Amino acid sequence: MPKAPLVREPGTAFEYSLAVDVLGRVIEAVSGQRLSAFLDERLFRPLNMVDTGFKVPEANWNRIAEPLRRKMHVLDVKIDPLNELAGVGGVSTPADYLRFCQMMLNGGTLDGRRYVSPTTIKLMTSDHLGNRPGLPALPGKALMGVDGYTFGLGFMVRQGPGLAGVPGSEGEYMWAGHGGTFFWIDPEEKLAVVFMAQVLGGIRTYYYRMIKALVAQALNNSA
């Protein structure tokens, strides 16, 4: 049994945490596989995500995007991780991750194969916070410095057309990575966007808002 005490009572507040990492360890315990092997077998290879995993092979080291400011610390994806964490440490390409996003946008299918049921996607992209407080901030504030978003199962979900100070549709869902990567899926616009950059720190929120505005300006809503 775990010996570390809980920070607070379950279900009382939203706090971005190691919860997804714990889920990855549960997958390993149930499946008897390392997380990378499980995901490669169930998701990455079937989705043809050929450059996705937890380590970059030496033949592809010249393709690794490094932060412009060299003093910024990012994980070394050239070495085997001691622990494969479900919430951090994954490495991918825009083309690979867009296949995952397209599968989600399609309601759980891609190239004639089903990966996730529509019921599960609906559950994942529903409001699971209600009026619970966010500590230290709700997901919209934490990710983009805006209101108007709740949290589903792994995604930040837009609650309506107002409140959020960025363009978007009710029901769109998204999240971002430590290194500056960002994606969102907008079922209403039939849109999936993958933005990959290597920029750490608070400036990331500026780029997230900027790319959402640029994409919104490019949409043709006259049809």
Protein backbone atom coordinates (compact mmCIF):
# COMPACT_ATOMS: atom_id res chain seq x y z
CA MET A 1 0.00 0.00 0.00
CA PRO A 2 1.24 3.55 -0.71
CA LYS A 3 2.67 5.25 2.38
CA ALA A 4 2.77 8.86 1.17
CA PRO A 5 -0.21 10.88 2.42
CA LEU A 6 -2.60 12.51 -0.05
CA VAL A 7 -2.23 16.26 -0.54
CA ARG A 8 -5.99 16.70 -0.09
CA GLU A 9 -9.20 14.73 -0.15
CA PRO A 10 -9.89 13.12 -3.56
CA GLY A 11 -12.45 14.94 -5.68
CA THR A 12 -12.24 18.25 -3.84
CA ALA A 13 -10.00 20.29 -6.19
CA PHE A 14 -8.21 20.29 -9.54
CA GLU A 15 -4.45 20.15 -9.31
CA TYR A 16 -2.26 19.09 -12.24
CA SER A 17 -0.12 16.37 -10.77
CA LEU A 18 1.58 13.01 -11.23
CA ALA A 19 -1.81 11.35 -11.75
CA VAL A 20 -1.10 10.38 -15.38
CA ASP A 21 2.28 8.95 -14.37
CA VAL A 22 0.53 6.82 -11.74
CA LEU A 23 -1.89 5.63 -14.43
CA GLY A 24 1.06 4.58 -16.57
CA ARG A 25 2.42 2.51 -13.70
CA VAL A 26 -1.01 0.90 -13.28
CA ILE A 27 -0.91 -0.07 -16.98
CA GLU A 28 2.50 -1.68 -16.45
CA ALA A 29 1.30 -3.61 -13.40
CA VAL A 30 -1.85 -4.88 -15.11
CA SER A 31 -0.28 -5.69 -18.50
CA GLY A 32 3.05 -7.03 -17.25
CA GLN A 33 4.78 -4.88 -19.90
CA ARG A 34 6.88 -1.74 -19.84
CA LEU A 35 4.76 1.25 -20.79
CA SER A 36 6.67 1.74 -24.06
CA ALA A 37 6.03 -1.83 -25.13
CA PHE A 38 2.33 -1.61 -24.26
CA LEU A 39 1.83 1.67 -26.13
CA ASP A 40 3.91 0.50 -29.10
CA GLU A 41 1.81 -2.65 -29.42
CA ARG A 42 -1.61 -1.10 -28.80
CA LEU A 43 -1.28 2.39 -30.25
CA PHE A 44 1.94 3.56 -31.89
CA ARG A 45 2.53 0.74 -34.39
CA PRO A 46 -1.14 0.27 -35.33
CA LEU A 47 -1.47 4.04 -35.88
CA ASN A 48 1.77 4.02 -37.92
CA MET A 49 3.37 6.48 -35.50
CA VAL A 50 6.83 5.36 -36.54
CA ASP A 51 8.81 8.08 -34.74
CA THR A 52 7.01 8.03 -31.40
CA GLY A 53 8.30 6.55 -28.16
CA PHE A 54 10.42 7.36 -25.13
CA LYS A 55 13.83 7.40 -26.82
CA VAL A 56 15.25 8.59 -30.14
CA PRO A 57 17.49 6.04 -31.90
CA GLU A 58 20.99 7.23 -32.78
CA ALA A 59 20.19 7.30 -36.50
CA ASN A 60 17.68 10.08 -35.81
CA TRP A 61 19.64 12.21 -33.35
CA ASN A 62 20.14 14.89 -36.00
CA ARG A 63 16.34 15.35 -36.08
CA ILE A 64 15.99 16.26 -32.40
CA ALA A 65 14.73 19.81 -31.91
CA GLU A 66 16.77 21.55 -29.23
CA PRO A 67 15.77 24.74 -27.37
CA LEU A 68 17.36 27.90 -28.75
CA ARG A 69 18.49 28.84 -25.26
CA ARG A 70 20.93 26.06 -24.50
CA LYS A 71 20.78 26.57 -20.73
CA MET A 72 17.16 25.42 -20.71
CA HIS A 73 16.95 21.88 -19.40
CA VAL A 74 14.95 19.32 -21.35
CA LEU A 75 15.01 15.57 -20.98
CA ASP A 76 17.77 13.70 -22.78
CA VAL A 77 15.83 11.54 -25.22
CA LYS A 78 19.01 9.88 -26.50
CA ILE A 79 19.21 7.57 -23.48
CA ASP A 80 16.94 4.91 -22.03
CA PRO A 81 14.74 6.43 -19.30
CA LEU A 82 14.92 4.80 -15.89
CA ASN A 83 11.13 5.01 -15.72
CA GLU A 84 8.77 5.48 -18.66
CA LEU A 85 6.27 8.02 -17.39
CA ALA A 86 2.85 8.36 -18.97
CA GLY A 87 2.79 12.10 -18.27
CA VAL A 88 6.28 13.17 -19.36
CA GLY A 89 9.18 12.02 -21.52
CA GLY A 90 7.41 11.00 -24.71
CA VAL A 91 8.98 12.00 -28.00
CA SER A 92 7.21 12.33 -31.35
CA THR A 93 6.94 14.27 -34.61
CA PRO A 94 4.16 16.54 -35.90
CA ALA A 95 3.20 13.96 -38.54
CA ASP A 96 2.98 11.15 -35.99
CA TYR A 97 1.03 13.11 -33.41
CA LEU A 98 -1.36 14.42 -36.04
CA ARG A 99 -2.33 10.81 -36.77
CA PHE A 100 -3.29 10.40 -33.12
CA CYS A 101 -5.27 13.66 -33.20
CA GLN A 102 -7.01 12.66 -36.43
CA MET A 103 -8.03 9.37 -34.83
CA MET A 104 -9.57 11.26 -31.91
CA LEU A 105 -11.25 13.76 -34.26
CA ASN A 106 -12.74 10.84 -36.20
CA GLY A 107 -14.41 9.58 -33.04
CA GLY A 108 -11.83 6.91 -32.30
CA THR A 109 -11.09 5.44 -35.75
CA LEU A 110 -8.37 5.84 -38.37
CA ASP A 111 -7.75 3.96 -41.61
CA GLY A 112 -10.66 1.64 -40.94
CA ARG A 113 -9.54 0.54 -37.46
CA ARG A 114 -11.16 1.48 -34.16
CA TYR A 115 -8.93 2.44 -31.23
CA VAL A 116 -11.31 4.20 -28.82
CA SER A 117 -15.09 3.98 -28.53
CA PRO A 118 -17.17 7.13 -29.11
CA THR A 119 -18.56 6.70 -25.59
CA THR A 120 -15.06 6.79 -24.12
CA ILE A 121 -14.10 9.89 -26.11
CA LYS A 122 -17.27 11.61 -24.94
CA LEU A 123 -16.37 10.76 -21.35
CA MET A 124 -12.79 11.95 -21.84
CA THR A 125 -13.91 15.31 -23.22
CA SER A 126 -16.66 16.05 -20.70
CA ASP A 127 -16.51 18.35 -17.68
CA HIS A 128 -15.12 16.46 -14.68
CA LEU A 129 -14.51 19.49 -12.47
CA GLY A 130 -17.89 21.10 -11.93
CA ASN A 131 -17.40 23.94 -9.48
CA ARG A 132 -14.30 22.51 -7.82
CA PRO A 133 -11.48 25.05 -7.37
CA GLY A 134 -8.18 24.83 -9.20
CA LEU A 135 -5.03 24.79 -7.07
CA PRO A 136 -3.08 26.87 -7.82
CA ALA A 137 -5.15 27.54 -10.97
CA LEU A 138 -7.80 26.04 -13.21
CA PRO A 139 -6.50 24.43 -16.42
CA GLY A 140 -7.25 27.39 -18.72
CA LYS A 141 -5.30 29.74 -16.49
CA ALA A 142 -2.47 27.27 -16.10
CA LEU A 143 -2.07 26.54 -19.81
CA MET A 144 -2.98 29.78 -21.61
CA GLY A 145 -3.73 32.33 -18.92
CA VAL A 146 -7.44 32.40 -19.76
CA ASP A 147 -10.73 31.36 -18.18
CA GLY A 148 -13.48 29.31 -19.79
CA TYR A 149 -11.98 25.82 -19.70
CA THR A 150 -12.65 22.78 -17.55
CA PHE A 151 -10.84 19.43 -17.46
CA GLY A 152 -11.86 16.06 -18.82
CA LEU A 153 -9.77 12.89 -18.65
CA GLY A 154 -6.38 14.15 -19.77
CA PHE A 155 -7.61 17.14 -21.77
CA MET A 156 -8.56 20.74 -21.10
CA VAL A 157 -12.08 21.25 -22.51
CA ARG A 158 -13.71 24.51 -23.62
CA GLN A 159 -17.05 25.12 -21.93
CA GLY A 160 -18.55 27.76 -24.23
CA PRO A 161 -17.88 30.53 -26.77
CA GLY A 162 -17.40 33.24 -24.14
CA LEU A 163 -15.09 33.70 -21.15
CA ALA A 164 -11.96 32.30 -22.79
CA GLY A 165 -9.89 35.10 -24.28
CA VAL A 166 -8.87 33.03 -27.32
CA PRO A 167 -10.80 31.91 -30.43
CA GLY A 168 -12.28 28.44 -30.30
CA SER A 169 -15.40 26.30 -30.26
CA GLU A 170 -17.40 24.86 -27.41
CA GLY A 171 -16.20 21.33 -26.79
CA GLU A 172 -12.70 21.72 -28.24
CA TYR A 173 -10.07 19.93 -26.18
CA MET A 174 -6.32 20.29 -25.86
CA TRP A 175 -3.17 20.01 -23.79
CA ALA A 176 0.51 20.88 -24.02
CA GLY A 177 3.94 19.46 -23.26
CA HIS A 178 6.75 20.64 -21.01
CA GLY A 179 9.01 21.57 -23.91
CA GLY A 180 6.47 23.85 -25.60
CA THR A 181 4.47 21.38 -27.69
CA PHE A 182 0.75 22.07 -27.98
CA PHE A 183 -2.26 20.54 -29.70
CA TRP A 184 -5.99 20.96 -29.87
CA ILE A 185 -8.91 19.16 -31.47
CA ASP A 186 -12.03 21.07 -32.49
CA PRO A 187 -14.87 18.69 -33.46
CA GLU A 188 -17.17 21.58 -34.45
CA GLU A 189 -14.67 22.89 -37.01
CA LYS A 190 -13.48 19.35 -37.87
CA LEU A 191 -10.00 20.60 -37.05
CA ALA A 192 -6.90 19.14 -35.43
CA VAL A 193 -3.78 21.25 -34.88
CA VAL A 194 -0.33 20.15 -33.71
CA PHE A 195 2.19 22.84 -32.76
CA MET A 196 5.68 21.69 -31.87
CA ALA A 197 8.27 24.07 -30.47
CA GLN A 198 11.06 23.83 -27.92
CA VAL A 199 10.50 26.84 -25.70
CA LEU A 200 10.22 26.54 -21.94
CA GLY A 201 8.82 28.84 -19.29
CA GLY A 202 5.95 31.29 -19.11
CA ILE A 203 6.45 32.56 -22.68
CA ARG A 204 4.78 29.33 -23.85
CA THR A 205 1.34 30.72 -23.03
CA TYR A 206 1.94 33.59 -25.46
CA TYR A 207 2.73 31.17 -28.30
CA TYR A 208 -0.29 28.99 -27.51
CA ARG A 209 -2.63 31.97 -27.72
CA MET A 210 -0.88 33.22 -30.85
CA ILE A 211 -1.19 29.95 -32.79
CA LYS A 212 -4.86 29.65 -31.85
CA ALA A 213 -5.51 33.16 -33.15
CA LEU A 214 -3.58 32.52 -36.39
CA VAL A 215 -5.45 29.30 -37.11
CA ALA A 216 -8.82 30.92 -36.36
CA GLN A 217 -8.04 33.75 -38.80
CA ALA A 218 -7.28 31.20 -41.52
CA LEU A 219 -10.60 29.38 -41.20
CA ASN A 220 -13.18 29.97 -43.91
CA ASN A 221 -16.59 29.97 -42.23
CA SER A 222 -18.58 31.17 -45.23
CA ALA A 223 -19.39 27.72 -46.58
